[in-house]
Amino acid sequence: LLLPLYTTDPVARGGLGMDVASAFGNYGTCFALSFVTPLIGGIIADLGFRKKATLILGYVLSLAGLFTLTFYKGDFLWFSFWILVLGAGFVRAVITPLVGHFSVLLGRNEQETYKIYYLYLCCGFILAGFLGGGMYAYFSFQAALYILCILLFVSSVLAFSVIFQYHE
């Protein structure tokens, strides 16, 4: 939820200085696209790109989008948003089937595996919210975006370490 604050805060405070109506309109568009892009990611994964490659592409696109948003600010703003949303959609499209597959590989109850997955997902959201919000409150938006880049990079490395054990 830092995005509406980031886009509406004055430029002098590190934000983008947009008016509230256009900022929330753009936020709503990105939010709506985050529900459409998993469909695109699922189609790509099913058309022969494979789940593992789609997941890796999703993480790389998400990292690229957040990186450009963090370091190039207004220059590539909409490109950053589109790439970030597209990457998140690719990840969301294939992560759930992979979690189910890993539960079978590990010989665990599938429902228990999903509980653990969603527990870690919620912990990640809470951690990102507190760290990102705290960095914004005490430092700047730029510091919050740095922290979010680091968190996404660490989660990508952890996901890659598990993904490379998966054989389709």
C-alpha atoms as a PDB file:
ATOM      1  CA  LEU A   1       0.000   0.000   0.000  1.00  0.00           C
ATOM      2  CA  LEU A   2       2.990   2.303  -0.310  1.00  0.00           C
ATOM      3  CA  LEU A   3       2.200   2.937  -3.966  1.00  0.00           C
ATOM      4  CA  PRO A   4      -0.634   5.469  -3.417  1.00  0.00           C
ATOM      5  CA  LEU A   5       1.481   7.317  -0.861  1.00  0.00           C
ATOM      6  CA  TYR A   6       4.513   7.265  -3.136  1.00  0.00           C
ATOM      7  CA  THR A   7       2.618   8.641  -6.116  1.00  0.00           C
ATOM      8  CA  THR A   8       0.726  11.378  -4.206  1.00  0.00           C
ATOM      9  CA  ASP A   9       3.483  12.634  -1.904  1.00  0.00           C
ATOM     10  CA  PRO A  10       5.143  15.895  -3.029  1.00  0.00           C
ATOM     11  CA  VAL A  11       8.344  15.646  -5.042  1.00  0.00           C
ATOM     12  CA  ALA A  12      10.174  17.536  -2.276  1.00  0.00           C
ATOM     13  CA  ARG A  13       9.459  14.630   0.111  1.00  0.00           C
ATOM     14  CA  GLY A  14      10.573  11.991  -2.393  1.00  0.00           C
ATOM     15  CA  GLY A  15       7.188  11.182  -3.931  1.00  0.00           C
ATOM     16  CA  LEU A  16       6.005  11.681  -7.487  1.00  0.00           C
ATOM     17  CA  GLY A  17       3.661  14.612  -6.791  1.00  0.00           C
ATOM     18  CA  MET A  18       0.606  13.290  -8.655  1.00  0.00           C
ATOM     19  CA  ASP A  19      -2.862  14.533  -7.857  1.00  0.00           C
ATOM     20  CA  VAL A  20      -4.932  12.088  -5.791  1.00  0.00           C
ATOM     21  CA  ALA A  21      -7.475  11.264  -8.518  1.00  0.00           C
ATOM     22  CA  SER A  22      -4.936  10.243 -11.160  1.00  0.00           C
ATOM     23  CA  ALA A  23      -2.704   8.465  -8.636  1.00  0.00           C
ATOM     24  CA  PHE A  24      -5.548   6.313  -7.319  1.00  0.00           C
ATOM     25  CA  GLY A  25      -6.817   5.722 -10.854  1.00  0.00           C
ATOM     26  CA  ASN A  26      -3.388   4.428 -11.822  1.00  0.00           C
ATOM     27  CA  TYR A  27      -3.174   2.377  -8.635  1.00  0.00           C
ATOM     28  CA  GLY A  28      -6.583   0.857  -9.400  1.00  0.00           C
ATOM     29  CA  THR A  29      -5.434  -0.030 -12.907  1.00  0.00           C
ATOM     30  CA  CYS A  30      -2.308  -1.759 -11.576  1.00  0.00           C
ATOM     31  CA  PHE A  31      -4.384  -3.555  -8.948  1.00  0.00           C
ATOM     32  CA  ALA A  32      -6.891  -4.755 -11.552  1.00  0.00           C
ATOM     33  CA  LEU A  33      -4.114  -5.916 -13.857  1.00  0.00           C
ATOM     34  CA  SER A  34      -2.632  -7.944 -11.023  1.00  0.00           C
ATOM     35  CA  PHE A  35      -5.696 -10.191 -11.347  1.00  0.00           C
ATOM     36  CA  VAL A  36      -5.492 -10.446 -15.147  1.00  0.00           C
ATOM     37  CA  THR A  37      -1.771 -11.138 -15.506  1.00  0.00           C
ATOM     38  CA  PRO A  38      -1.895 -14.574 -13.794  1.00  0.00           C
ATOM     39  CA  LEU A  39      -4.152 -15.629 -16.649  1.00  0.00           C
ATOM     40  CA  ILE A  40      -1.467 -14.546 -19.115  1.00  0.00           C
ATOM     41  CA  GLY A  41       1.213 -16.324 -17.077  1.00  0.00           C
ATOM     42  CA  GLY A  42      -0.877 -19.498 -16.902  1.00  0.00           C
ATOM     43  CA  ILE A  43      -1.454 -19.485 -20.653  1.00  0.00           C
ATOM     44  CA  ILE A  44       2.270 -19.032 -21.290  1.00  0.00           C
ATOM     45  CA  ALA A  45       3.135 -21.834 -18.865  1.00  0.00           C
ATOM     46  CA  ASP A  46       0.584 -24.166 -20.464  1.00  0.00           C
ATOM     47  CA  LEU A  47       1.620 -23.381 -24.029  1.00  0.00           C
ATOM     48  CA  GLY A  48       4.998 -24.990 -23.563  1.00  0.00           C
ATOM     49  CA  PHE A  49       7.094 -22.475 -21.638  1.00  0.00           C
ATOM     50  CA  ARG A  50       6.857 -24.771 -18.571  1.00  0.00           C
ATOM     51  CA  LYS A  51       6.062 -23.818 -14.995  1.00  0.00           C
ATOM     52  CA  LYS A  52       9.639 -23.534 -13.821  1.00  0.00           C
ATOM     53  CA  ALA A  53      10.672 -21.185 -16.638  1.00  0.00           C
ATOM     54  CA  THR A  54       7.516 -19.094 -16.172  1.00  0.00           C
ATOM     55  CA  LEU A  55       8.203 -18.771 -12.457  1.00  0.00           C
ATOM     56  CA  ILE A  56      11.813 -17.746 -13.054  1.00  0.00           C
ATOM     57  CA  LEU A  57      10.692 -15.239 -15.706  1.00  0.00           C
ATOM     58  CA  GLY A  58       8.112 -13.874 -13.251  1.00  0.00           C
ATOM     59  CA  TYR A  59      10.705 -13.289 -10.537  1.00  0.00           C
ATOM     60  CA  VAL A  60      13.130 -11.698 -13.004  1.00  0.00           C
ATOM     61  CA  LEU A  61      10.406  -9.373 -14.349  1.00  0.00           C
ATOM     62  CA  SER A  62       9.333  -8.454 -10.811  1.00  0.00           C
ATOM     63  CA  LEU A  63      12.913  -7.665  -9.827  1.00  0.00           C
ATOM     64  CA  ALA A  64      13.417  -5.621 -13.013  1.00  0.00           C
ATOM     65  CA  GLY A  65      10.204  -3.666 -12.420  1.00  0.00           C
ATOM     66  CA  LEU A  66      10.997  -2.884  -8.797  1.00  0.00           C
ATOM     67  CA  PHE A  67      14.601  -2.061  -9.695  1.00  0.00           C
ATOM     68  CA  THR A  68      13.574   0.449 -12.376  1.00  0.00           C
ATOM     69  CA  LEU A  69      10.934   1.923 -10.065  1.00  0.00           C
ATOM     70  CA  THR A  70      13.552   2.340  -7.333  1.00  0.00           C
ATOM     71  CA  PHE A  71      16.474   3.700  -9.290  1.00  0.00           C
ATOM     72  CA  TYR A  72      14.916   5.539 -12.245  1.00  0.00           C
ATOM     73  CA  LYS A  73      11.887   7.067 -10.509  1.00  0.00           C
ATOM     74  CA  GLY A  74       9.684   9.001 -12.925  1.00  0.00           C
ATOM     75  CA  ASP A  75      11.608   8.233 -16.111  1.00  0.00           C
ATOM     76  CA  PHE A  76      10.302   4.685 -16.459  1.00  0.00           C
ATOM     77  CA  LEU A  77       7.396   4.848 -14.016  1.00  0.00           C
ATOM     78  CA  TRP A  78       4.707   3.130 -16.075  1.00  0.00           C
ATOM     79  CA  PHE A  79       7.155   0.696 -17.622  1.00  0.00           C
ATOM     80  CA  SER A  80       8.203  -0.232 -14.078  1.00  0.00           C
ATOM     81  CA  PHE A  81       4.604  -0.755 -12.963  1.00  0.00           C
ATOM     82  CA  TRP A  82       3.724  -2.877 -15.997  1.00  0.00           C
ATOM     83  CA  ILE A  83       6.799  -5.080 -15.674  1.00  0.00           C
ATOM     84  CA  LEU A  84       6.296  -5.467 -11.917  1.00  0.00           C
ATOM     85  CA  VAL A  85       2.624  -6.405 -12.308  1.00  0.00           C
ATOM     86  CA  LEU A  86       3.338  -8.770 -15.218  1.00  0.00           C
ATOM     87  CA  GLY A  87       6.099 -10.513 -13.252  1.00  0.00           C
ATOM     88  CA  ALA A  88       3.898 -10.884 -10.177  1.00  0.00           C
ATOM     89  CA  GLY A  89       1.178 -12.343 -12.387  1.00  0.00           C
ATOM     90  CA  PHE A  90       3.552 -14.922 -13.829  1.00  0.00           C
ATOM     91  CA  VAL A  91       4.614 -15.936 -10.319  1.00  0.00           C
ATOM     92  CA  ARG A  92       1.036 -16.160  -9.065  1.00  0.00           C
ATOM     93  CA  ALA A  93       0.034 -18.286 -12.064  1.00  0.00           C
ATOM     94  CA  VAL A  94       2.418 -21.133 -11.365  1.00  0.00           C
ATOM     95  CA  ILE A  95       3.362 -21.001  -7.686  1.00  0.00           C
ATOM     96  CA  THR A  96       0.239 -22.767  -6.412  1.00  0.00           C
ATOM     97  CA  PRO A  97       0.578 -25.829  -8.692  1.00  0.00           C
ATOM     98  CA  LEU A  98       4.255 -26.040  -7.792  1.00  0.00           C
ATOM     99  CA  VAL A  99       3.473 -26.002  -4.065  1.00  0.00           C
ATOM    100  CA  GLY A 100       1.043 -28.883  -4.638  1.00  0.00           C
ATOM    101  CA  HIS A 101       3.688 -30.774  -6.611  1.00  0.00           C
ATOM    102  CA  PHE A 102       6.280 -30.279  -3.876  1.00  0.00           C
ATOM    103  CA  SER A 103       3.901 -31.682  -1.269  1.00  0.00           C
ATOM    104  CA  VAL A 104       3.671 -34.880  -3.298  1.00  0.00           C
ATOM    105  CA  LEU A 105       7.453 -35.005  -3.766  1.00  0.00           C
ATOM    106  CA  LEU A 106       8.031 -34.550  -0.046  1.00  0.00           C
ATOM    107  CA  GLY A 107       5.372 -37.086   0.859  1.00  0.00           C
ATOM    108  CA  ARG A 108       3.472 -34.516   2.894  1.00  0.00           C
ATOM    109  CA  ASN A 109      -0.202 -33.757   3.182  1.00  0.00           C
ATOM    110  CA  GLU A 110      -1.053 -31.262   0.429  1.00  0.00           C
ATOM    111  CA  GLN A 111      -3.292 -29.199   2.694  1.00  0.00           C
ATOM    112  CA  GLU A 112      -0.529 -28.876   5.300  1.00  0.00           C
ATOM    113  CA  THR A 113       1.932 -27.773   2.621  1.00  0.00           C
ATOM    114  CA  TYR A 114      -0.456 -25.048   1.455  1.00  0.00           C
ATOM    115  CA  LYS A 115      -0.928 -23.873   5.047  1.00  0.00           C
ATOM    116  CA  ILE A 116       2.832 -23.498   5.442  1.00  0.00           C
ATOM    117  CA  TYR A 117       3.090 -21.725   2.069  1.00  0.00           C
ATOM    118  CA  TYR A 118       0.369 -19.210   2.940  1.00  0.00           C
ATOM    119  CA  LEU A 119       1.845 -18.697   6.411  1.00  0.00           C
ATOM    120  CA  TYR A 120       5.181 -17.723   4.869  1.00  0.00           C
ATOM    121  CA  LEU A 121       3.396 -15.577   2.285  1.00  0.00           C
ATOM    122  CA  CYS A 122       1.556 -13.660   5.014  1.00  0.00           C
ATOM    123  CA  CYS A 123       4.770 -13.285   7.024  1.00  0.00           C
ATOM    124  CA  GLY A 124       6.417 -11.815   3.920  1.00  0.00           C
ATOM    125  CA  PHE A 125       3.588  -9.320   3.446  1.00  0.00           C
ATOM    126  CA  ILE A 126       3.768  -8.280   7.093  1.00  0.00           C
ATOM    127  CA  LEU A 127       7.559  -7.975   7.010  1.00  0.00           C
ATOM    128  CA  ALA A 128       7.489  -5.943   3.787  1.00  0.00           C
ATOM    129  CA  GLY A 129       4.737  -3.701   5.156  1.00  0.00           C
ATOM    130  CA  PHE A 130       6.486  -2.988   8.431  1.00  0.00           C
ATOM    131  CA  LEU A 131       9.968  -2.576   6.965  1.00  0.00           C
ATOM    132  CA  GLY A 132       8.822  -0.594   3.925  1.00  0.00           C
ATOM    133  CA  GLY A 133       6.452   1.567   5.978  1.00  0.00           C
ATOM    134  CA  GLY A 134       9.045   2.079   8.701  1.00  0.00           C
ATOM    135  CA  MET A 135      11.703   3.101   6.210  1.00  0.00           C
ATOM    136  CA  TYR A 136       9.251   5.552   4.621  1.00  0.00           C
ATOM    137  CA  ALA A 137       8.206   6.998   7.992  1.00  0.00           C
ATOM    138  CA  TYR A 138      11.742   7.448   9.321  1.00  0.00           C
ATOM    139  CA  PHE A 139      13.748   8.027   6.152  1.00  0.00           C
ATOM    140  CA  SER A 140      12.213   8.309   2.675  1.00  0.00           C
ATOM    141  CA  PHE A 141      10.360   6.506  -0.076  1.00  0.00           C
ATOM    142  CA  GLN A 142      13.691   5.739  -1.663  1.00  0.00           C
ATOM    143  CA  ALA A 143      14.788   3.895   1.483  1.00  0.00           C
ATOM    144  CA  ALA A 144      11.491   1.968   1.507  1.00  0.00           C
ATOM    145  CA  LEU A 145      12.000   0.965  -2.123  1.00  0.00           C
ATOM    146  CA  TYR A 146      15.582  -0.138  -1.365  1.00  0.00           C
ATOM    147  CA  ILE A 147      14.273  -2.387   1.413  1.00  0.00           C
ATOM    148  CA  LEU A 148      11.573  -3.823  -0.862  1.00  0.00           C
ATOM    149  CA  CYS A 149      14.207  -4.533  -3.546  1.00  0.00           C
ATOM    150  CA  ILE A 150      16.338  -6.373  -0.996  1.00  0.00           C
ATOM    151  CA  LEU A 151      13.356  -8.374   0.297  1.00  0.00           C
ATOM    152  CA  LEU A 152      12.267  -9.341  -3.220  1.00  0.00           C
ATOM    153  CA  PHE A 153      15.822 -10.321  -4.118  1.00  0.00           C
ATOM    154  CA  VAL A 154      16.176 -12.499  -1.011  1.00  0.00           C
ATOM    155  CA  SER A 155      12.806 -14.159  -1.611  1.00  0.00           C
ATOM    156  CA  SER A 156      13.800 -14.755  -5.256  1.00  0.00           C
ATOM    157  CA  VAL A 157      17.041 -16.435  -4.204  1.00  0.00           C
ATOM    158  CA  LEU A 158      15.136 -18.627  -1.747  1.00  0.00           C
ATOM    159  CA  ALA A 159      12.543 -19.488  -4.391  1.00  0.00           C
ATOM    160  CA  PHE A 160      15.241 -20.282  -6.961  1.00  0.00           C
ATOM    161  CA  SER A 161      16.948 -22.640  -4.515  1.00  0.00           C
ATOM    162  CA  VAL A 162      13.688 -24.602  -4.288  1.00  0.00           C
ATOM    163  CA  ILE A 163      12.706 -24.247  -7.960  1.00  0.00           C
ATOM    164  CA  PHE A 164      15.899 -25.818  -9.239  1.00  0.00           C
ATOM    165  CA  GLN A 165      15.043 -28.995  -7.331  1.00  0.00           C
ATOM    166  CA  TYR A 166      11.811 -29.302  -9.331  1.00  0.00           C
ATOM    167  CA  HIS A 167      11.810 -31.473 -12.440  1.00  0.00           C
ATOM    168  CA  GLU A 168       8.850 -31.214 -14.808  1.00  0.00           C
END
